[in-house]
Amino acid sequence: MKNPNDFTFVFMGDGWAGDGQTSNTIFGLALSAARSLKRKPLFILHSGDSVFTGTAKEFKTGGTYTDKVPVKSLLQLIRDPKKGVPDIPFFIVPGNHDRTGINGPLTNFRTFIGPTRFGFNLPRIKTTIIGLNNVQQLGLDKNNKPVYGFSPTELNFLKRKLTKSMKNSLVLMHVPPRIGKWGNPNYFKDPESTFGNQNGQLTRFLNRIRGKVRHVLVGHVHAFDTLKFQGTRYVLSGGAGAPLVKQGFLKGTRTPIFHIVEFTVRKGIVVKRRVIPIGFTA
């Protein structure tokens, strides 16, 4: 790295790699877009739902489906020496689709990807990266939809990792919090799109990050959106391969597009955010 005070990184989410030809084509375009950037990103962050059903075939081995056409796995796509990004560090947090089966275990995620949470400081670039698992199913709502959130120890982990955090602190997780416009039931049409304050988790999360985290990066909703809340910028990116939400799902926002997001960081501060379309619309 020539200048640690001036670098870029890429953020994406909801790729559903290994699920079929369509999602793989789009996820491949996301990788190609990251690889082709004028400035090579220092790392790539993925907010989960990297695969669709959490199988070994989708994560690692690849295979054939009902139409007998070979389909590559998530790791085969990432590690491809010509079309992937094998030379760029790639960090993924779990999404609900990364579980094996509905609300199943994250065993395959741990086996093929790594820990379901992580946190580390990078002093040379003044950056802290914290990845969290907030797709534990805490119960069902009145509509029989899953209520997602943090395990009992997850927010204590966040607190510990923030005690000596750097100037540019990033938190990566899958499900967006129910705050600001995202807390309006008329904004997201699906109540499963956000996590609320069950067991006081939202209050605790906000208390942990207030004044310490500049950006929270989330996915789960297959679109792009942003908001600022209590001094923290939230960026939602769910356009790396999974079917996009239809226009109107997010009230007042533009037509969803498949995309990745490039961030430019200078002297520990994000100075630019650029949404890069990858060729398809809803």
Protein backbone atom coordinates (compact mmCIF):
# COMPACT_ATOMS: atom_id res chain seq x y z
CA MET A 1 0.00 0.00 0.00
CA LYS A 2 1.59 3.23 -1.18
CA ASN A 3 -0.29 5.62 1.08
CA PRO A 4 -2.02 4.30 4.23
CA ASN A 5 -3.77 7.66 4.62
CA ASP A 6 -5.59 7.31 1.30
CA PHE A 7 -7.26 4.02 0.34
CA THR A 8 -10.52 2.50 -0.91
CA PHE A 9 -12.61 -0.49 0.09
CA VAL A 10 -15.67 -2.16 -1.41
CA PHE A 11 -18.93 -3.10 0.28
CA MET A 12 -21.61 -5.45 -1.05
CA GLY A 13 -24.32 -7.79 0.21
CA ASP A 14 -26.86 -10.50 -0.61
CA GLY A 15 -25.12 -12.32 -3.44
CA TRP A 16 -26.78 -15.77 -3.15
CA ALA A 17 -23.73 -17.28 -4.87
CA GLY A 18 -24.01 -20.94 -5.81
CA ASP A 19 -27.81 -20.73 -6.02
CA GLY A 20 -27.95 -20.80 -9.82
CA GLN A 21 -26.77 -19.26 -13.04
CA THR A 22 -28.53 -15.90 -12.60
CA SER A 23 -27.25 -15.10 -9.12
CA ASN A 24 -23.78 -16.37 -10.04
CA THR A 25 -23.67 -14.20 -13.15
CA ILE A 26 -24.56 -11.09 -11.16
CA PHE A 27 -22.24 -11.92 -8.26
CA GLY A 28 -19.50 -12.52 -10.84
CA LEU A 29 -20.18 -9.06 -12.24
CA ALA A 30 -19.89 -7.64 -8.71
CA LEU A 31 -16.47 -9.26 -8.32
CA SER A 32 -15.44 -8.06 -11.78
CA ALA A 33 -16.51 -4.51 -10.93
CA ALA A 34 -14.42 -4.59 -7.76
CA ARG A 35 -11.44 -6.05 -9.60
CA SER A 36 -11.67 -3.47 -12.39
CA LEU A 37 -11.75 -0.37 -10.22
CA LYS A 38 -9.11 2.24 -11.03
CA ARG A 39 -7.80 1.91 -7.50
CA LYS A 40 -7.48 -1.60 -6.13
CA PRO A 41 -9.60 -1.85 -2.96
CA LEU A 42 -7.70 -2.65 0.20
CA PHE A 43 -10.44 -5.08 1.29
CA ILE A 44 -14.02 -6.14 0.50
CA LEU A 45 -16.82 -6.34 3.08
CA HIS A 46 -19.92 -8.50 2.49
CA SER A 47 -22.99 -8.10 4.72
CA GLY A 48 -24.24 -11.68 4.47
CA ASP A 49 -26.61 -13.93 2.54
CA SER A 50 -23.52 -14.82 0.58
CA VAL A 51 -25.27 -18.06 -0.43
CA PHE A 52 -28.91 -19.14 -0.46
CA THR A 53 -29.32 -22.32 1.61
CA GLY A 54 -26.02 -22.68 3.45
CA THR A 55 -24.95 -25.96 1.86
CA ALA A 56 -21.37 -27.13 1.31
CA LYS A 57 -22.12 -27.13 -2.42
CA GLU A 58 -22.99 -23.43 -2.37
CA PHE A 59 -20.14 -22.41 -0.10
CA LYS A 60 -17.27 -24.48 -1.45
CA THR A 61 -17.69 -27.45 -3.77
CA GLY A 62 -20.10 -26.20 -6.45
CA GLY A 63 -22.19 -28.66 -8.40
CA THR A 64 -24.91 -29.21 -10.96
CA TYR A 65 -28.58 -28.47 -10.62
CA THR A 66 -31.75 -29.75 -12.29
CA ASP A 67 -30.78 -28.36 -15.70
CA LYS A 68 -27.44 -30.23 -15.50
CA VAL A 69 -25.51 -26.98 -15.89
CA PRO A 70 -22.44 -26.67 -13.61
CA VAL A 71 -22.76 -23.92 -11.00
CA LYS A 72 -19.71 -22.61 -9.15
CA SER A 73 -19.67 -22.05 -5.42
CA LEU A 74 -19.10 -18.80 -3.53
CA LEU A 75 -15.46 -19.60 -2.82
CA GLN A 76 -14.80 -20.85 -6.35
CA LEU A 77 -16.05 -17.53 -7.70
CA ILE A 78 -14.06 -15.42 -5.23
CA ARG A 79 -10.86 -17.42 -5.66
CA ASP A 80 -10.97 -17.68 -9.45
CA PRO A 81 -7.55 -16.38 -10.57
CA LYS A 82 -8.92 -14.70 -13.70
CA LYS A 83 -12.46 -13.61 -12.78
CA GLY A 84 -12.41 -13.46 -9.01
CA VAL A 85 -10.64 -11.39 -6.36
CA PRO A 86 -8.23 -13.90 -4.81
CA ASP A 87 -5.72 -11.19 -3.95
CA ILE A 88 -8.14 -8.91 -2.04
CA PRO A 89 -9.03 -9.73 1.60
CA PHE A 90 -12.75 -10.62 1.66
CA PHE A 91 -14.72 -10.47 4.93
CA ILE A 92 -18.25 -11.87 5.29
CA VAL A 93 -20.73 -11.85 8.18
CA PRO A 94 -23.59 -14.37 8.29
CA GLY A 95 -27.03 -13.64 6.90
CA ASN A 96 -30.19 -15.65 7.48
CA HIS A 97 -29.67 -17.50 4.16
CA ASP A 98 -26.18 -18.57 5.22
CA ARG A 99 -27.78 -20.94 7.71
CA THR A 100 -28.23 -24.54 6.61
CA GLY A 101 -32.01 -24.75 6.27
CA ILE A 102 -34.57 -22.37 7.76
CA ASN A 103 -33.12 -21.07 11.04
CA GLY A 104 -30.62 -23.94 10.88
CA PRO A 105 -27.03 -23.93 12.15
CA LEU A 106 -24.16 -21.83 10.86
CA THR A 107 -21.86 -24.85 10.89
CA ASN A 108 -21.04 -24.67 7.18
CA PHE A 109 -20.47 -20.91 7.39
CA ARG A 110 -17.93 -21.47 10.18
CA THR A 111 -16.31 -24.36 8.32
CA PHE A 112 -15.91 -22.67 4.93
CA ILE A 113 -15.93 -18.93 5.71
CA GLY A 114 -14.77 -18.49 9.29
CA PRO A 115 -15.98 -16.99 12.59
CA THR A 116 -19.50 -15.55 12.68
CA ARG A 117 -18.12 -12.44 14.37
CA PHE A 118 -14.76 -10.72 14.26
CA GLY A 119 -13.08 -7.49 15.23
CA PHE A 120 -9.65 -6.04 14.63
CA ASN A 121 -7.80 -2.73 14.60
CA LEU A 122 -5.65 -1.64 11.67
CA PRO A 123 -3.62 1.25 13.17
CA ARG A 124 -1.68 1.99 10.01
CA ILE A 125 -4.89 2.98 8.19
CA LYS A 126 -6.68 4.25 11.33
CA THR A 127 -9.48 1.72 10.83
CA THR A 128 -11.40 -0.72 13.02
CA ILE A 129 -13.56 -3.41 11.39
CA ILE A 130 -16.13 -5.26 13.50
CA GLY A 131 -18.35 -7.96 12.04
CA LEU A 132 -21.41 -9.12 13.97
CA ASN A 133 -23.95 -11.92 13.75
CA ASN A 134 -27.45 -10.48 14.13
CA VAL A 135 -29.43 -13.25 12.44
CA GLN A 136 -30.21 -15.33 15.49
CA GLN A 137 -33.95 -15.98 15.40
CA LEU A 138 -35.32 -14.65 18.68
CA GLY A 139 -38.90 -15.69 17.96
CA LEU A 140 -41.81 -15.00 15.64
CA ASP A 141 -43.88 -11.83 15.30
CA LYS A 142 -47.68 -11.63 15.11
CA ASN A 143 -47.50 -12.40 11.39
CA ASN A 144 -45.42 -15.52 12.04
CA LYS A 145 -42.35 -13.83 10.57
CA PRO A 146 -38.89 -14.36 12.12
CA VAL A 147 -37.65 -11.82 14.64
CA TYR A 148 -33.89 -11.52 14.13
CA GLY A 149 -31.30 -10.18 16.49
CA PHE A 150 -28.10 -10.67 18.46
CA SER A 151 -27.12 -13.61 20.63
CA PRO A 152 -26.72 -12.76 24.34
CA THR A 153 -22.94 -12.31 24.04
CA GLU A 154 -22.78 -10.45 20.73
CA LEU A 155 -23.20 -6.92 22.06
CA ASN A 156 -20.70 -7.52 24.85
CA PHE A 157 -18.23 -8.52 22.12
CA LEU A 158 -19.01 -5.25 20.32
CA LYS A 159 -18.41 -3.26 23.49
CA ARG A 160 -15.02 -4.89 24.05
CA LYS A 161 -13.89 -4.32 20.48
CA LEU A 162 -14.82 -0.64 20.65
CA THR A 163 -12.79 0.11 23.76
CA LYS A 164 -9.69 0.85 21.67
CA SER A 165 -11.26 1.49 18.28
CA MET A 166 -9.65 3.56 15.54
CA LYS A 167 -10.82 6.83 13.97
CA ASN A 168 -12.54 5.05 11.05
CA SER A 169 -14.69 2.45 12.83
CA LEU A 170 -16.91 0.23 10.69
CA VAL A 171 -19.55 -2.21 11.93
CA LEU A 172 -20.72 -4.87 9.48
CA MET A 173 -23.89 -6.92 10.06
CA HIS A 174 -26.77 -8.33 8.06
CA VAL A 175 -30.16 -7.04 9.27
CA PRO A 176 -30.72 -3.24 9.45
CA PRO A 177 -31.87 -1.68 12.73
CA ARG A 178 -35.38 -0.24 13.12
CA ILE A 179 -34.32 3.41 13.39
CA GLY A 180 -35.12 6.69 11.64
CA LYS A 181 -37.03 6.15 8.40
CA TRP A 182 -36.27 2.43 8.65
CA GLY A 183 -38.43 2.40 11.77
CA ASN A 184 -41.48 3.61 9.83
CA PRO A 185 -43.71 0.57 9.14
CA ASN A 186 -44.74 2.18 5.86
CA TYR A 187 -41.14 2.49 4.64
CA PHE A 188 -40.11 -1.16 4.40
CA LYS A 189 -43.11 -3.18 3.28
CA ASP A 190 -41.90 -6.32 5.04
CA PRO A 191 -41.66 -6.23 8.87
CA GLU A 192 -38.87 -8.82 8.70
CA SER A 193 -36.64 -6.23 6.99
CA THR A 194 -35.33 -4.74 10.25
CA PHE A 195 -34.56 -5.77 13.82
CA GLY A 196 -36.22 -4.04 16.73
CA ASN A 197 -35.75 -3.73 20.48
CA GLN A 198 -36.60 -7.23 21.61
CA ASN A 199 -34.71 -7.92 24.87
CA GLY A 200 -33.51 -4.30 24.71
CA GLN A 201 -31.07 -5.19 21.94
CA LEU A 202 -31.56 -2.08 19.81
CA THR A 203 -31.12 0.27 22.75
CA ARG A 204 -27.97 -1.56 23.79
CA PHE A 205 -26.60 -1.56 20.25
CA LEU A 206 -27.14 2.19 19.84
CA ASN A 207 -25.58 2.89 23.23
CA ARG A 208 -22.52 0.80 22.31
CA ILE A 209 -21.80 2.59 19.02
CA ARG A 210 -22.82 6.18 19.85
CA GLY A 211 -19.85 8.48 19.30
CA LYS A 212 -17.58 5.56 18.40
CA VAL A 213 -18.75 4.16 15.04
CA ARG A 214 -18.80 6.29 11.90
CA HIS A 215 -20.41 3.74 9.55
CA VAL A 216 -22.69 0.73 10.02
CA LEU A 217 -22.93 -1.43 6.89
CA VAL A 218 -25.95 -3.71 6.47
CA GLY A 219 -27.80 -5.78 3.86
CA HIS A 220 -30.84 -8.11 3.98
CA VAL A 221 -33.03 -5.79 1.88
CA HIS A 222 -32.16 -6.27 -1.79
CA ALA A 223 -31.67 -2.62 -2.69
CA PHE A 224 -29.53 0.40 -1.80
CA ASP A 225 -30.35 2.97 0.86
CA THR A 226 -28.72 5.20 3.49
CA LEU A 227 -29.64 7.12 6.60
CA LYS A 228 -27.89 9.05 9.35
CA PHE A 229 -28.90 8.45 12.95
CA GLN A 230 -27.29 9.78 16.15
CA GLY A 231 -24.17 10.78 14.25
CA THR A 232 -23.63 7.40 12.55
CA ARG A 233 -24.06 6.83 8.82
CA TYR A 234 -25.90 3.62 7.89
CA VAL A 235 -25.44 2.17 4.41
CA LEU A 236 -27.62 -0.65 3.13
CA SER A 237 -26.34 -2.65 0.17
CA GLY A 238 -28.16 -5.81 -0.92
CA GLY A 239 -27.60 -5.82 -4.65
CA ALA A 240 -24.87 -8.37 -5.36
CA GLY A 241 -26.95 -11.17 -6.89
CA ALA A 242 -30.15 -11.94 -4.97
CA PRO A 243 -33.44 -10.90 -6.64
CA LEU A 244 -34.00 -7.17 -6.16
CA VAL A 245 -37.03 -5.78 -4.34
CA LYS A 246 -39.58 -4.19 -6.63
CA GLN A 247 -39.80 -0.45 -7.14
CA GLY A 248 -41.89 1.03 -4.34
CA PHE A 249 -40.74 -1.45 -1.66
CA LEU A 250 -38.64 1.35 -0.19
CA LYS A 251 -40.87 4.39 -0.07
CA GLY A 252 -39.54 7.33 -2.07
CA THR A 253 -36.28 5.72 -3.21
CA ARG A 254 -35.09 5.09 -6.73
CA THR A 255 -35.54 1.85 -8.66
CA PRO A 256 -33.32 -0.83 -7.06
CA ILE A 257 -30.24 -1.83 -9.04
CA PHE A 258 -27.61 -4.54 -8.74
CA HIS A 259 -24.52 -2.81 -7.45
CA ILE A 260 -21.46 -2.60 -5.23
CA VAL A 261 -20.34 0.41 -3.17
CA GLU A 262 -16.85 1.92 -3.22
CA PHE A 263 -15.66 3.94 -0.20
CA THR A 264 -12.68 6.28 -0.26
CA VAL A 265 -10.95 6.88 3.09
CA ARG A 266 -8.46 9.66 3.72
CA LYS A 267 -6.72 10.16 7.06
CA GLY A 268 -9.21 7.91 8.79
CA ILE A 269 -12.33 9.60 7.39
CA VAL A 270 -14.65 8.36 4.64
CA VAL A 271 -14.62 11.23 2.16
CA LYS A 272 -16.48 9.62 -0.74
CA ARG A 273 -19.06 6.90 -1.33
CA ARG A 274 -19.83 5.73 -4.86
CA VAL A 275 -22.55 3.29 -5.93
CA ILE A 276 -21.37 1.27 -8.92
CA PRO A 277 -24.14 -0.39 -11.00
CA ILE A 278 -23.39 -3.86 -12.31
CA GLY A 279 -25.69 -4.11 -15.25
CA PHE A 280 -29.18 -5.17 -14.23
CA THR A 281 -32.32 -3.57 -12.80
CA ALA A 282 -35.46 -4.94 -11.18
